[in-house]
N, C-alpha and C. Protein backbone atom coordinates (compact mmCIF):
# COMPACT_ATOMS: atom_id res chain seq x y z
N MET A 1 -41.51 -62.87 -175.16
CA MET A 1 -41.20 -62.84 -176.08
C MET A 1 -39.07 -63.78 -175.86
N ILE A 2 -39.22 -64.85 -176.76
CA ILE A 2 -37.67 -65.40 -176.57
C ILE A 2 -36.90 -64.44 -177.29
N GLY A 3 -35.65 -63.97 -176.89
CA GLY A 3 -34.50 -63.18 -177.02
C GLY A 3 -35.10 -62.27 -177.75
N SER A 4 -34.31 -61.64 -178.19
CA SER A 4 -34.44 -60.49 -179.06
C SER A 4 -33.95 -60.09 -180.53
N LEU A 5 -35.30 -59.78 -181.33
CA LEU A 5 -34.96 -59.57 -182.90
C LEU A 5 -33.87 -58.61 -183.47
N PRO A 6 -32.93 -59.12 -184.41
CA PRO A 6 -31.83 -58.14 -185.15
C PRO A 6 -32.42 -56.94 -185.54
N GLU A 7 -32.01 -55.73 -184.86
CA GLU A 7 -32.08 -54.26 -185.43
C GLU A 7 -32.35 -54.01 -186.44
N ASP A 8 -32.17 -54.86 -187.59
CA ASP A 8 -32.75 -54.90 -189.34
C ASP A 8 -34.20 -54.89 -189.58
N GLU A 9 -34.04 -56.51 -188.50
CA GLU A 9 -35.13 -57.36 -188.34
C GLU A 9 -36.46 -56.58 -187.84
N LEU A 10 -36.38 -55.75 -186.96
CA LEU A 10 -37.08 -55.15 -185.93
C LEU A 10 -37.19 -53.79 -187.05
N ARG A 11 -36.41 -53.33 -187.85
CA ARG A 11 -36.86 -52.39 -188.41
C ARG A 11 -37.84 -52.13 -189.84
N LYS A 12 -37.42 -53.34 -190.21
CA LYS A 12 -38.35 -53.60 -191.26
C LYS A 12 -39.37 -54.25 -190.86
N LYS A 13 -40.10 -54.71 -189.62
CA LYS A 13 -41.39 -54.95 -188.97
C LYS A 13 -42.10 -53.72 -188.76
N ARG A 14 -41.07 -52.40 -188.21
CA ARG A 14 -41.94 -51.01 -187.53
C ARG A 14 -42.16 -50.66 -188.98
N ILE A 15 -41.13 -50.70 -189.89
CA ILE A 15 -41.69 -49.84 -191.31
C ILE A 15 -42.97 -50.14 -192.04
N ARG A 16 -43.40 -51.52 -192.17
CA ARG A 16 -44.71 -52.51 -192.20
C ARG A 16 -45.52 -52.07 -191.45
N ARG A 17 -45.84 -51.67 -190.56
CA ARG A 17 -46.96 -51.24 -189.85
C ARG A 17 -46.98 -50.22 -190.04
N VAL A 18 -46.05 -49.68 -190.01
CA VAL A 18 -46.09 -48.00 -190.44
C VAL A 18 -47.16 -47.47 -191.77
N LYS A 19 -46.69 -48.55 -193.03
CA LYS A 19 -47.14 -48.72 -194.42
C LYS A 19 -48.17 -48.90 -194.48
N LYS A 20 -48.37 -49.80 -193.51
CA LYS A 20 -49.95 -50.79 -193.21
C LYS A 20 -50.98 -49.67 -193.28
N LEU A 21 -50.90 -48.73 -192.08
CA LEU A 21 -51.47 -47.25 -191.79
C LEU A 21 -52.27 -46.46 -193.23
N LEU A 22 -50.70 -46.04 -193.58
CA LEU A 22 -50.37 -45.01 -194.94
C LEU A 22 -50.76 -45.96 -196.38
N ARG A 23 -51.81 -47.29 -196.06
CA ARG A 23 -51.79 -47.79 -197.08
C ARG A 23 -52.75 -47.18 -198.61
N PRO A 24 -53.68 -46.22 -198.08
CA PRO A 24 -54.63 -45.19 -199.01
C PRO A 24 -53.23 -44.24 -199.65
N LEU A 25 -52.35 -43.82 -199.24
CA LEU A 25 -51.61 -43.17 -199.91
C LEU A 25 -51.04 -43.57 -200.77
N PRO A 26 -50.31 -42.47 -201.99
CA PRO A 26 -49.53 -42.39 -202.78
C PRO A 26 -48.23 -43.86 -203.03
N ARG A 27 -48.24 -44.57 -203.70
CA ARG A 27 -47.05 -45.20 -203.58
C ARG A 27 -46.12 -45.52 -204.97
N ARG A 28 -45.28 -45.89 -204.60
CA ARG A 28 -44.19 -45.95 -205.66
C ARG A 28 -44.92 -47.11 -207.58
N THR A 29 -46.09 -47.73 -206.63
CA THR A 29 -46.99 -48.39 -207.50
C THR A 29 -47.88 -48.04 -208.36
N ASN A 30 -48.32 -46.83 -207.88
CA ASN A 30 -49.62 -46.43 -208.41
C ASN A 30 -49.72 -44.98 -208.54
N LEU A 31 -48.55 -44.38 -208.51
CA LEU A 31 -48.31 -42.81 -208.83
C LEU A 31 -48.76 -42.28 -209.88
N HIS A 32 -48.76 -43.39 -210.78
CA HIS A 32 -49.66 -42.89 -211.87
C HIS A 32 -50.63 -42.56 -212.41
N LYS A 33 -51.62 -42.87 -211.31
CA LYS A 33 -52.95 -42.94 -211.27
C LYS A 33 -53.75 -41.67 -210.27
N TYR A 34 -52.61 -40.60 -210.07
CA TYR A 34 -52.74 -39.15 -209.15
C TYR A 34 -52.73 -38.29 -209.88
N PRO A 35 -53.64 -37.41 -210.42
CA PRO A 35 -53.20 -36.25 -210.99
C PRO A 35 -52.38 -35.32 -210.42
N ILE A 36 -51.39 -34.47 -211.13
CA ILE A 36 -50.62 -33.79 -211.04
C ILE A 36 -48.92 -34.51 -210.64
N ILE A 37 -49.24 -35.40 -210.08
CA ILE A 37 -48.22 -36.54 -209.07
C ILE A 37 -47.96 -37.24 -210.00
N LYS A 38 -48.58 -37.60 -211.17
CA LYS A 38 -48.23 -38.40 -212.08
C LYS A 38 -47.02 -38.06 -213.13
N TYR A 39 -46.99 -36.59 -213.01
CA TYR A 39 -45.87 -36.35 -213.75
C TYR A 39 -44.28 -36.63 -213.09
N PHE A 40 -44.59 -36.39 -211.33
CA PHE A 40 -43.25 -36.65 -210.57
C PHE A 40 -42.83 -37.95 -210.71
N SER A 41 -43.60 -38.94 -211.38
CA SER A 41 -43.94 -40.20 -210.87
C SER A 41 -42.29 -40.81 -211.34
N ASN A 42 -41.93 -40.75 -212.68
CA ASN A 42 -40.33 -41.28 -213.00
C ASN A 42 -39.43 -41.01 -211.74
N TYR A 43 -39.42 -39.50 -211.38
CA TYR A 43 -38.21 -38.52 -210.40
C TYR A 43 -38.76 -39.78 -209.10
N ALA A 44 -39.86 -39.31 -208.71
CA ALA A 44 -40.20 -39.69 -206.87
C ALA A 44 -39.80 -41.26 -207.26
N ARG A 45 -40.25 -42.18 -207.92
CA ARG A 45 -39.46 -43.70 -208.17
C ARG A 45 -38.05 -43.91 -207.61
N LYS A 46 -37.23 -43.23 -208.32
CA LYS A 46 -36.33 -43.28 -208.01
C LYS A 46 -35.23 -42.70 -206.96
N ASN A 47 -36.40 -41.86 -206.34
CA ASN A 47 -35.94 -41.10 -205.11
C ASN A 47 -36.02 -41.65 -203.79
N ALA A 48 -35.17 -42.98 -203.35
CA ALA A 48 -35.36 -43.90 -202.49
C ALA A 48 -35.32 -42.80 -201.03
N GLU A 49 -34.91 -41.43 -200.81
CA GLU A 49 -35.33 -40.87 -199.35
C GLU A 49 -36.50 -40.56 -199.32
N ILE A 50 -37.38 -40.00 -200.12
CA ILE A 50 -38.96 -40.07 -199.52
C ILE A 50 -39.77 -40.79 -199.20
N TRP A 51 -39.30 -42.75 -199.68
CA TRP A 51 -40.10 -43.54 -198.72
C TRP A 51 -39.22 -44.13 -197.49
N SER A 52 -38.22 -43.67 -197.43
CA SER A 52 -37.28 -44.14 -196.61
C SER A 52 -37.95 -43.43 -194.94
N PHE A 53 -37.83 -44.42 -193.91
CA PHE A 53 -38.44 -44.16 -192.44
C PHE A 53 -36.82 -43.85 -191.18
N LYS A 54 -35.76 -43.16 -192.46
CA LYS A 54 -34.93 -43.24 -190.78
C LYS A 54 -35.57 -41.72 -190.65
N ARG A 55 -34.61 -41.41 -189.63
CA ARG A 55 -34.89 -40.87 -188.84
C ARG A 55 -34.92 -39.35 -189.47
N PRO A 56 -33.93 -38.92 -189.67
CA PRO A 56 -34.21 -37.46 -190.40
C PRO A 56 -34.92 -37.06 -191.51
N ASN A 57 -35.00 -38.55 -192.10
CA ASN A 57 -36.69 -37.96 -193.17
C ASN A 57 -37.66 -38.07 -192.60
N VAL A 58 -38.10 -38.89 -191.56
CA VAL A 58 -39.43 -38.49 -190.79
C VAL A 58 -39.64 -37.16 -190.24
N THR A 59 -38.24 -37.01 -189.76
CA THR A 59 -38.34 -35.30 -188.91
C THR A 59 -38.89 -34.12 -189.90
N ARG A 60 -38.25 -34.55 -191.17
CA ARG A 60 -38.03 -33.32 -191.93
C ARG A 60 -39.88 -33.36 -192.59
N ALA A 61 -40.13 -34.36 -192.47
CA ALA A 61 -41.90 -34.78 -192.88
C ALA A 61 -42.63 -34.07 -192.04
N ILE A 62 -42.72 -34.44 -190.80
CA ILE A 62 -43.04 -34.12 -189.71
C ILE A 62 -43.22 -32.46 -189.65
N TYR A 63 -42.05 -31.89 -189.76
CA TYR A 63 -42.16 -30.26 -190.17
C TYR A 63 -42.67 -29.40 -191.26
N LEU A 64 -42.46 -30.13 -192.50
CA LEU A 64 -43.48 -30.18 -193.69
C LEU A 64 -44.54 -30.48 -194.24
N GLY A 65 -45.06 -31.11 -192.86
CA GLY A 65 -46.57 -31.91 -193.23
C GLY A 65 -47.45 -30.81 -192.81
N TRP A 66 -46.42 -30.36 -191.24
CA TRP A 66 -47.35 -29.25 -190.33
C TRP A 66 -47.42 -28.09 -190.65
N ILE A 67 -46.50 -27.73 -191.60
CA ILE A 67 -46.50 -26.21 -192.63
C ILE A 67 -47.57 -26.36 -193.25
N ILE A 68 -47.47 -27.22 -194.13
CA ILE A 68 -48.37 -27.56 -195.18
C ILE A 68 -50.11 -27.59 -194.77
N ALA A 69 -50.25 -28.04 -193.90
CA ALA A 69 -51.33 -28.39 -193.11
C ALA A 69 -52.16 -27.48 -192.90
N LEU A 70 -51.93 -26.20 -192.17
CA LEU A 70 -51.92 -25.06 -191.48
C LEU A 70 -51.81 -24.04 -192.63
N ILE A 71 -51.65 -24.24 -194.23
CA ILE A 71 -52.04 -23.23 -195.25
C ILE A 71 -53.75 -23.47 -195.92
N PRO A 72 -54.28 -22.63 -195.37
CA PRO A 72 -55.35 -22.85 -196.18
C PRO A 72 -55.62 -22.92 -197.95
N MET A 73 -55.44 -24.20 -198.21
CA MET A 73 -55.18 -24.06 -199.33
C MET A 73 -55.78 -25.84 -199.63
N TYR A 74 -56.90 -25.62 -199.13
CA TYR A 74 -57.69 -27.12 -198.95
C TYR A 74 -57.67 -28.04 -200.26
N GLY A 75 -57.42 -29.19 -200.65
CA GLY A 75 -57.79 -30.11 -201.59
C GLY A 75 -56.50 -29.68 -202.57
N LEU A 76 -55.63 -28.98 -202.57
CA LEU A 76 -54.09 -29.06 -202.70
C LEU A 76 -52.90 -29.62 -201.81
N GLN A 77 -53.45 -29.66 -201.01
CA GLN A 77 -52.29 -30.30 -199.39
C GLN A 77 -52.04 -31.42 -199.66
N MET A 78 -51.89 -32.28 -199.89
CA MET A 78 -51.72 -33.41 -200.27
C MET A 78 -50.57 -33.27 -201.70
N ILE A 79 -51.56 -32.70 -202.63
CA ILE A 79 -50.11 -32.87 -203.80
C ILE A 79 -48.59 -31.73 -203.42
N PHE A 80 -49.28 -30.85 -202.73
CA PHE A 80 -47.66 -30.21 -202.46
C PHE A 80 -46.89 -30.99 -201.23
N ALA A 81 -47.89 -30.91 -200.75
CA ALA A 81 -46.93 -32.09 -199.78
C ALA A 81 -46.00 -33.45 -200.35
N PHE A 82 -46.28 -34.14 -201.76
CA PHE A 82 -45.31 -34.97 -202.63
C PHE A 82 -44.54 -34.45 -202.65
N ILE A 83 -45.01 -33.28 -203.36
CA ILE A 83 -44.27 -32.70 -204.44
C ILE A 83 -42.65 -32.00 -203.68
N LEU A 84 -43.19 -31.38 -202.29
CA LEU A 84 -42.08 -30.30 -201.39
C LEU A 84 -40.96 -31.59 -201.16
N SER A 85 -42.11 -32.84 -200.75
CA SER A 85 -41.18 -33.51 -200.36
C SER A 85 -40.33 -33.94 -200.76
N LEU A 86 -40.25 -34.35 -202.33
CA LEU A 86 -39.08 -34.44 -203.41
C LEU A 86 -37.98 -33.75 -203.05
N PHE A 87 -38.21 -32.10 -202.85
CA PHE A 87 -37.42 -31.10 -202.89
C PHE A 87 -36.73 -30.97 -201.24
N PHE A 88 -37.20 -31.60 -200.52
CA PHE A 88 -36.99 -31.65 -199.22
C PHE A 88 -35.75 -32.49 -198.95
N ARG A 89 -36.25 -33.66 -199.17
CA ARG A 89 -35.86 -35.30 -199.12
C ARG A 89 -36.52 -35.47 -197.48
N ALA A 90 -37.53 -35.55 -197.62
CA ALA A 90 -38.36 -35.72 -196.89
C ALA A 90 -39.32 -37.21 -196.89
N ASN A 91 -39.42 -37.64 -195.85
CA ASN A 91 -40.68 -39.29 -196.28
C ASN A 91 -42.04 -38.54 -196.74
N CYS A 92 -42.60 -38.98 -197.88
CA CYS A 92 -43.50 -38.55 -198.64
C CYS A 92 -45.23 -39.56 -197.70
N PHE A 93 -45.00 -40.17 -197.39
CA PHE A 93 -45.82 -40.97 -196.53
C PHE A 93 -46.63 -40.48 -195.16
N VAL A 94 -45.64 -39.84 -194.38
CA VAL A 94 -45.84 -39.32 -193.63
C VAL A 94 -46.03 -37.96 -193.65
N ALA A 95 -45.44 -36.66 -194.84
CA ALA A 95 -46.36 -35.61 -194.81
C ALA A 95 -47.15 -35.46 -195.56
N ILE A 96 -47.71 -36.54 -196.19
CA ILE A 96 -49.45 -36.79 -196.60
C ILE A 96 -50.08 -36.80 -195.67
N ALA A 97 -49.86 -38.00 -194.84
CA ALA A 97 -50.54 -38.04 -193.87
C ALA A 97 -51.08 -36.95 -193.19
N MET A 98 -49.93 -36.47 -192.89
CA MET A 98 -50.23 -35.11 -191.77
C MET A 98 -51.33 -33.58 -192.36
N GLN A 99 -51.95 -34.26 -193.77
CA GLN A 99 -52.77 -33.68 -194.15
C GLN A 99 -54.28 -33.48 -193.81
N TRP A 100 -54.32 -34.65 -193.31
CA TRP A 100 -55.43 -35.66 -192.44
C TRP A 100 -56.06 -34.75 -191.56
N ILE A 101 -54.82 -33.68 -191.10
CA ILE A 101 -54.79 -32.86 -189.30
C ILE A 101 -56.01 -32.11 -189.89
N THR A 102 -56.33 -31.44 -191.23
CA THR A 102 -57.43 -30.05 -191.31
C THR A 102 -57.85 -31.22 -192.25
N ASN A 103 -59.30 -31.06 -191.83
CA ASN A 103 -60.68 -32.06 -192.41
C ASN A 103 -61.96 -31.38 -192.22
N PRO A 104 -62.80 -31.42 -192.63
CA PRO A 104 -64.40 -30.49 -192.52
C PRO A 104 -64.77 -30.07 -191.31
N LEU A 105 -64.09 -31.32 -190.43
CA LEU A 105 -64.37 -31.24 -188.98
C LEU A 105 -63.75 -30.45 -187.96
N THR A 106 -62.50 -30.16 -188.64
CA THR A 106 -61.52 -29.65 -187.57
C THR A 106 -61.30 -28.06 -188.25
N ILE A 107 -60.92 -28.20 -189.63
CA ILE A 107 -60.89 -26.52 -190.40
C ILE A 107 -61.36 -25.39 -189.44
N PRO A 108 -62.38 -25.13 -189.31
CA PRO A 108 -63.35 -24.22 -188.13
C PRO A 108 -62.29 -23.74 -187.22
N PRO A 109 -62.51 -24.84 -186.17
CA PRO A 109 -61.59 -24.41 -184.93
C PRO A 109 -60.00 -24.00 -185.23
N ILE A 110 -59.63 -24.33 -186.14
CA ILE A 110 -58.39 -24.66 -186.73
C ILE A 110 -57.90 -23.09 -186.83
N LEU A 111 -58.98 -22.76 -188.08
CA LEU A 111 -58.66 -21.40 -188.92
C LEU A 111 -58.88 -20.38 -187.67
N TYR A 112 -59.91 -20.43 -186.93
CA TYR A 112 -60.28 -19.48 -185.69
C TYR A 112 -58.88 -19.45 -184.68
N VAL A 113 -58.24 -20.18 -184.54
CA VAL A 113 -57.36 -20.21 -183.58
C VAL A 113 -56.33 -19.36 -184.43
N GLN A 114 -55.62 -20.30 -185.49
CA GLN A 114 -54.52 -19.51 -186.44
C GLN A 114 -54.94 -18.22 -185.93
N TYR A 115 -56.71 -17.59 -186.53
CA TYR A 115 -56.49 -16.49 -186.43
C TYR A 115 -55.85 -15.43 -185.78
N LYS A 116 -56.19 -15.70 -184.14
CA LYS A 116 -56.35 -15.45 -183.19
C LYS A 116 -54.61 -15.15 -182.97
N VAL A 117 -53.83 -16.12 -183.18
CA VAL A 117 -52.60 -16.20 -182.64
C VAL A 117 -51.95 -15.30 -183.33
N GLY A 118 -51.92 -15.18 -185.02
CA GLY A 118 -51.64 -14.68 -185.56
C GLY A 118 -52.30 -12.84 -185.57
N ALA A 119 -53.45 -12.42 -185.32
CA ALA A 119 -53.30 -11.28 -184.94
C ALA A 119 -53.06 -10.55 -183.37
N PHE A 120 -52.85 -11.92 -182.99
CA PHE A 120 -52.34 -11.26 -181.36
C PHE A 120 -50.34 -10.42 -181.87
N VAL A 121 -50.39 -11.28 -182.45
CA VAL A 121 -48.95 -11.12 -182.80
C VAL A 121 -48.74 -10.31 -183.80
N MET A 122 -49.85 -9.75 -184.56
CA MET A 122 -49.57 -8.91 -185.13
C MET A 122 -49.62 -7.47 -184.06
N GLU A 123 -50.30 -7.48 -183.65
CA GLU A 123 -50.91 -6.08 -182.78
C GLU A 123 -49.54 -5.99 -181.68
N LYS A 124 -49.03 -6.99 -181.19
CA LYS A 124 -47.84 -7.21 -179.97
C LYS A 124 -46.42 -6.81 -180.93
N VAL A 125 -46.14 -7.51 -181.78
CA VAL A 125 -45.20 -7.80 -182.54
C VAL A 125 -44.65 -6.09 -183.93
N PHE A 126 -45.85 -6.46 -184.56
CA PHE A 126 -45.73 -5.22 -185.53
C PHE A 126 -46.56 -4.29 -185.44
N LEU A 127 -47.15 -4.42 -183.87
CA LEU A 127 -47.63 -2.67 -183.58
C LEU A 127 -48.97 -2.61 -184.67
N SER A 128 -49.52 -3.46 -185.04
CA SER A 128 -50.71 -3.25 -185.92
C SER A 128 -52.32 -2.80 -185.09
N THR A 129 -52.58 -2.23 -185.52
CA THR A 129 -53.86 -1.54 -184.57
C THR A 129 -55.03 -1.93 -185.44
N TYR A 130 -55.33 -2.35 -186.14
CA TYR A 130 -56.58 -2.57 -186.78
C TYR A 130 -56.73 -4.02 -186.19
N THR A 131 -57.91 -4.03 -185.50
CA THR A 131 -58.84 -5.29 -185.03
C THR A 131 -60.27 -5.30 -185.69
N PRO A 132 -60.13 -5.40 -186.72
CA PRO A 132 -61.89 -5.37 -187.11
C PRO A 132 -62.87 -6.60 -186.38
N GLU A 133 -62.35 -7.63 -185.80
CA GLU A 133 -63.34 -8.32 -185.18
C GLU A 133 -64.17 -7.72 -184.41
N GLN A 134 -63.72 -6.58 -184.03
CA GLN A 134 -64.12 -5.65 -182.77
C GLN A 134 -65.19 -5.29 -183.19
N ASN A 135 -65.56 -5.18 -184.19
CA ASN A 135 -66.86 -4.27 -184.59
C ASN A 135 -67.72 -5.25 -185.30
N PHE A 136 -67.08 -6.60 -185.58
CA PHE A 136 -68.27 -7.51 -186.38
C PHE A 136 -69.67 -7.75 -185.74
N ALA A 137 -69.45 -8.13 -184.60
CA ALA A 137 -70.58 -8.35 -183.58
C ALA A 137 -71.35 -7.00 -183.59
N GLU A 138 -70.71 -5.97 -183.29
CA GLU A 138 -71.62 -4.51 -183.39
C GLU A 138 -72.67 -4.31 -184.56
N LEU A 139 -71.76 -4.46 -185.87
CA LEU A 139 -72.35 -3.99 -186.96
C LEU A 139 -73.81 -5.47 -187.35
N LEU A 140 -73.21 -6.85 -186.90
CA LEU A 140 -74.18 -7.86 -187.60
C LEU A 140 -75.84 -7.32 -186.65
N LYS A 141 -75.25 -6.52 -185.40
CA LYS A 141 -76.37 -6.10 -184.05
C LYS A 141 -77.12 -5.01 -184.57
N THR A 142 -76.51 -3.85 -185.42
CA THR A 142 -76.65 -2.87 -185.39
C THR A 142 -77.72 -2.49 -186.85
N SER A 143 -76.62 -3.08 -188.18
CA SER A 143 -76.94 -2.62 -189.34
C SER A 143 -77.35 -4.37 -190.22
N GLY A 144 -76.78 -5.39 -189.54
CA GLY A 144 -77.27 -6.82 -190.38
C GLY A 144 -76.50 -7.34 -191.22
N PHE A 145 -76.69 -8.57 -191.48
CA PHE A 145 -75.23 -8.97 -192.28
C PHE A 145 -74.67 -8.44 -193.67
N GLU A 146 -75.59 -7.48 -194.50
CA GLU A 146 -75.21 -7.01 -195.55
C GLU A 146 -73.91 -6.11 -194.97
N SER A 147 -73.97 -5.26 -193.96
CA SER A 147 -73.02 -4.69 -193.88
C SER A 147 -71.81 -5.06 -192.76
N LEU A 148 -71.93 -6.17 -192.59
CA LEU A 148 -70.60 -6.96 -192.17
C LEU A 148 -70.18 -7.43 -193.12
N LEU A 149 -71.10 -8.11 -194.29
CA LEU A 149 -70.28 -8.71 -195.06
C LEU A 149 -69.11 -7.75 -196.12
N SER A 150 -70.24 -6.43 -195.82
CA SER A 150 -69.51 -5.24 -197.01
C SER A 150 -67.94 -4.97 -195.91
N GLU A 151 -68.04 -4.76 -194.87
CA GLU A 151 -66.91 -4.44 -193.88
C GLU A 151 -65.46 -5.86 -194.09
N ILE A 152 -66.37 -7.09 -194.02
CA ILE A 152 -65.15 -8.26 -194.31
C ILE A 152 -64.23 -8.09 -195.61
N THR A 153 -65.49 -7.61 -196.56
CA THR A 153 -65.14 -7.89 -197.92
C THR A 153 -64.06 -6.47 -197.98
N GLU A 154 -63.60 -5.56 -197.54
CA GLU A 154 -62.43 -4.46 -197.89
C GLU A 154 -61.56 -5.27 -197.90
N PHE A 155 -60.55 -4.73 -198.54
CA PHE A 155 -59.29 -4.49 -198.52
C PHE A 155 -58.59 -4.94 -197.43
N ALA A 156 -58.86 -3.96 -196.61
CA ALA A 156 -58.12 -3.27 -195.57
C ALA A 156 -58.08 -5.08 -194.61
N THR A 157 -59.40 -5.41 -194.45
CA THR A 157 -60.25 -6.41 -193.33
C THR A 157 -59.50 -7.55 -194.13
N MET A 158 -59.63 -7.60 -195.53
CA MET A 158 -59.27 -9.47 -195.86
C MET A 158 -57.51 -9.24 -195.92
N LYS A 159 -57.16 -8.32 -196.27
CA LYS A 159 -55.57 -8.22 -195.60
C LYS A 159 -55.13 -8.65 -194.41
N HIS A 160 -55.87 -7.98 -193.39
CA HIS A 160 -55.72 -8.53 -191.99
C HIS A 160 -55.75 -10.17 -191.86
N LEU A 161 -56.86 -10.18 -192.34
CA LEU A 161 -57.60 -11.74 -192.26
C LEU A 161 -56.26 -12.51 -192.87
N ALA A 162 -56.08 -12.16 -194.24
CA ALA A 162 -54.87 -13.35 -194.55
C ALA A 162 -53.65 -13.44 -193.69
N LEU A 163 -53.11 -12.40 -193.47
CA LEU A 163 -52.11 -12.07 -192.80
C LEU A 163 -52.20 -12.79 -191.27
N SER A 164 -53.28 -12.34 -190.73
CA SER A 164 -53.17 -13.25 -189.29
C SER A 164 -53.50 -14.71 -189.47
N VAL A 165 -54.50 -15.20 -190.17
CA VAL A 165 -54.25 -16.42 -190.40
C VAL A 165 -53.12 -17.27 -190.97
N LEU A 166 -52.11 -16.80 -191.83
CA LEU A 166 -50.94 -17.05 -192.33
C LEU A 166 -50.08 -17.49 -191.56
N ILE A 167 -49.53 -15.62 -190.79
CA ILE A 167 -48.78 -15.71 -189.32
C ILE A 167 -48.75 -17.00 -188.45
N GLY A 168 -50.48 -16.79 -188.16
CA GLY A 168 -51.01 -17.45 -187.17
C GLY A 168 -50.57 -19.05 -187.12
N GLY A 169 -50.95 -19.64 -188.49
CA GLY A 169 -50.45 -21.29 -188.89
C GLY A 169 -49.20 -21.46 -189.31
N LEU A 170 -47.99 -20.24 -189.28
CA LEU A 170 -46.90 -20.77 -189.03
C LEU A 170 -46.21 -20.60 -187.79
N ILE A 171 -46.83 -19.96 -187.11
CA ILE A 171 -46.51 -20.15 -185.22
C ILE A 171 -46.70 -21.51 -185.17
N LEU A 172 -48.08 -21.96 -184.96
CA LEU A 172 -48.44 -23.25 -184.20
C LEU A 172 -48.03 -24.56 -185.26
N SER A 173 -48.14 -24.14 -186.47
CA SER A 173 -47.35 -25.34 -187.39
C SER A 173 -45.81 -25.79 -186.51
N ILE A 174 -44.69 -24.24 -186.66
CA ILE A 174 -43.28 -24.89 -185.85
C ILE A 174 -43.27 -25.51 -185.05
N VAL A 175 -44.56 -24.66 -183.54
CA VAL A 175 -44.49 -25.47 -182.06
C VAL A 175 -45.29 -26.88 -182.25
N CYS A 176 -46.00 -27.02 -182.96
CA CYS A 176 -46.92 -28.62 -182.94
C CYS A 176 -46.32 -29.66 -183.58
N ALA A 177 -45.05 -29.24 -184.95
CA ALA A 177 -44.17 -29.61 -185.05
C ALA A 177 -42.87 -30.25 -184.22
N PHE A 178 -43.02 -29.70 -183.71
CA PHE A 178 -41.97 -29.29 -182.46
C PHE A 178 -42.34 -30.32 -181.07
N ILE A 179 -43.54 -30.26 -181.25
CA ILE A 179 -43.82 -31.39 -180.26
C ILE A 179 -43.92 -32.84 -180.49
N THR A 180 -44.54 -33.10 -182.16
CA THR A 180 -44.83 -33.77 -182.69
C THR A 180 -43.25 -34.56 -182.78
N ASP A 181 -41.83 -33.72 -182.86
CA ASP A 181 -41.02 -34.56 -183.13
C ASP A 181 -40.60 -35.23 -181.53
N ILE A 182 -40.56 -34.49 -180.57
CA ILE A 182 -40.51 -34.67 -179.26
C ILE A 182 -41.47 -36.30 -179.07
N ILE A 183 -42.84 -36.42 -178.83
CA ILE A 183 -43.36 -37.42 -179.19
C ILE A 183 -42.54 -38.57 -179.87
N TYR A 184 -42.53 -38.66 -181.33
CA TYR A 184 -42.15 -39.28 -182.15
C TYR A 184 -40.52 -39.92 -181.49
N ARG A 185 -40.01 -39.04 -181.28
CA ARG A 185 -38.50 -39.30 -180.56
C ARG A 185 -38.58 -40.59 -179.23
N MET A 186 -39.75 -39.77 -178.61
CA MET A 186 -39.78 -41.22 -177.50
C MET A 186 -40.44 -42.37 -177.72
N TRP A 187 -41.65 -42.49 -178.53
CA TRP A 187 -41.71 -43.11 -179.04
C TRP A 187 -40.84 -44.52 -179.97
N ALA A 188 -39.78 -43.64 -180.43
CA ALA A 188 -38.95 -44.81 -181.34
C ALA A 188 -38.17 -45.00 -179.65
N ASN A 189 -37.61 -43.93 -178.81
CA ASN A 189 -36.89 -44.39 -178.10
C ASN A 189 -36.96 -45.81 -177.21
N HIS A 190 -38.69 -45.88 -176.79
CA HIS A 190 -39.54 -46.81 -175.90
C HIS A 190 -39.40 -47.98 -177.19
N PHE A 191 -39.51 -47.92 -178.27
CA PHE A 191 -39.38 -48.99 -179.21
C PHE A 191 -38.26 -49.87 -179.28
N ALA A 192 -37.20 -49.35 -179.38
CA ALA A 192 -35.82 -48.74 -179.44
C ALA A 192 -35.50 -50.19 -178.01
N LYS A 193 -36.06 -49.63 -176.82
CA LYS A 193 -35.81 -49.86 -175.35
C LYS A 193 -36.12 -51.44 -175.12
N LYS A 194 -37.83 -51.03 -175.67
CA LYS A 194 -38.39 -52.47 -175.56
C LYS A 194 -37.71 -53.94 -175.82
N HIS A 195 -36.87 -53.64 -177.46
CA HIS A 195 -36.42 -54.69 -178.12
C HIS A 195 -34.65 -54.85 -177.82
N ASN A 196 -34.68 -54.66 -177.29
CA ASN A 196 -33.35 -54.23 -176.77
C ASN A 196 -32.41 -53.76 -177.79
N ILE A 197 -32.69 -52.70 -178.28
CA ILE A 197 -31.79 -51.97 -179.74
C ILE A 197 -31.17 -50.95 -178.91
N ASN A 198 -29.92 -50.92 -179.42
CA ASN A 198 -29.01 -49.85 -178.65
C ASN A 198 -29.06 -48.67 -179.28
N THR A 199 -28.68 -49.10 -180.74
CA THR A 199 -28.70 -47.67 -181.65
C THR A 199 -29.40 -47.56 -182.58
N PRO A 200 -30.72 -47.55 -182.56
CA PRO A 200 -31.51 -47.62 -182.95
C PRO A 200 -31.97 -46.46 -184.55
N THR A 201 -32.27 -46.59 -185.58
CA THR A 201 -31.86 -46.14 -187.25
C THR A 201 -32.91 -45.08 -187.02
N LEU A 202 -34.00 -44.81 -186.28
CA LEU A 202 -35.23 -43.88 -186.74
C LEU A 202 -34.25 -42.57 -184.89
N VAL A 203 -33.36 -42.87 -184.39
CA VAL A 203 -33.20 -42.26 -182.86
C VAL A 203 -31.64 -41.29 -183.60
N THR A 204 -30.68 -42.19 -183.75
CA THR A 204 -29.58 -42.00 -183.85
C THR A 204 -29.16 -41.10 -185.02
N LYS A 205 -28.94 -39.61 -184.74
CA LYS A 205 -28.74 -38.87 -185.81
C LYS A 205 -27.25 -39.22 -186.43
N LYS A 206 -27.35 -39.29 -188.11
CA LYS A 206 -26.23 -39.66 -188.56
C LYS A 206 -25.05 -38.45 -188.96
């Protein structure tokens, strides 16, 4: 490469690459086509921050996106990610794209890990002694599926499962968002050094 491109031109080039990857997501020009989102379209089009790829907006989107992705409300995640982006001034492209983390292939193992982390925290931090999973295998072996189903549908069991999944999801989302943020900053710094940018917009805090 001959010389180095101006910082503003490099930033625009970087944004064009990201937008190309996020093309299937809602944009200013097609917000009216999406259910529920269309009711926020006028406000969203005027809100420049949710379309901005500046570092603070992207960082907020990373944390917001991870938290929503690990809340088991599948089918509504992208809508919530878009709406909450308006309130938290987060980049809506990134927040919505991160909902692809949970898909039909990844949901079962993610839910299992969320539950195990949440159950561990409830036992060690909240001193909960209710551990129904210890009985599931024995119930299935000795009494069959009906007894297992009856145990799972008990209020105490459902409460334990729900709290474990939510607590585990919150912990994992914060940890994963922190790691993702570090990777993002490393990538931004690498891009800046590669193109001889001393103070890249994506890295420098305001």
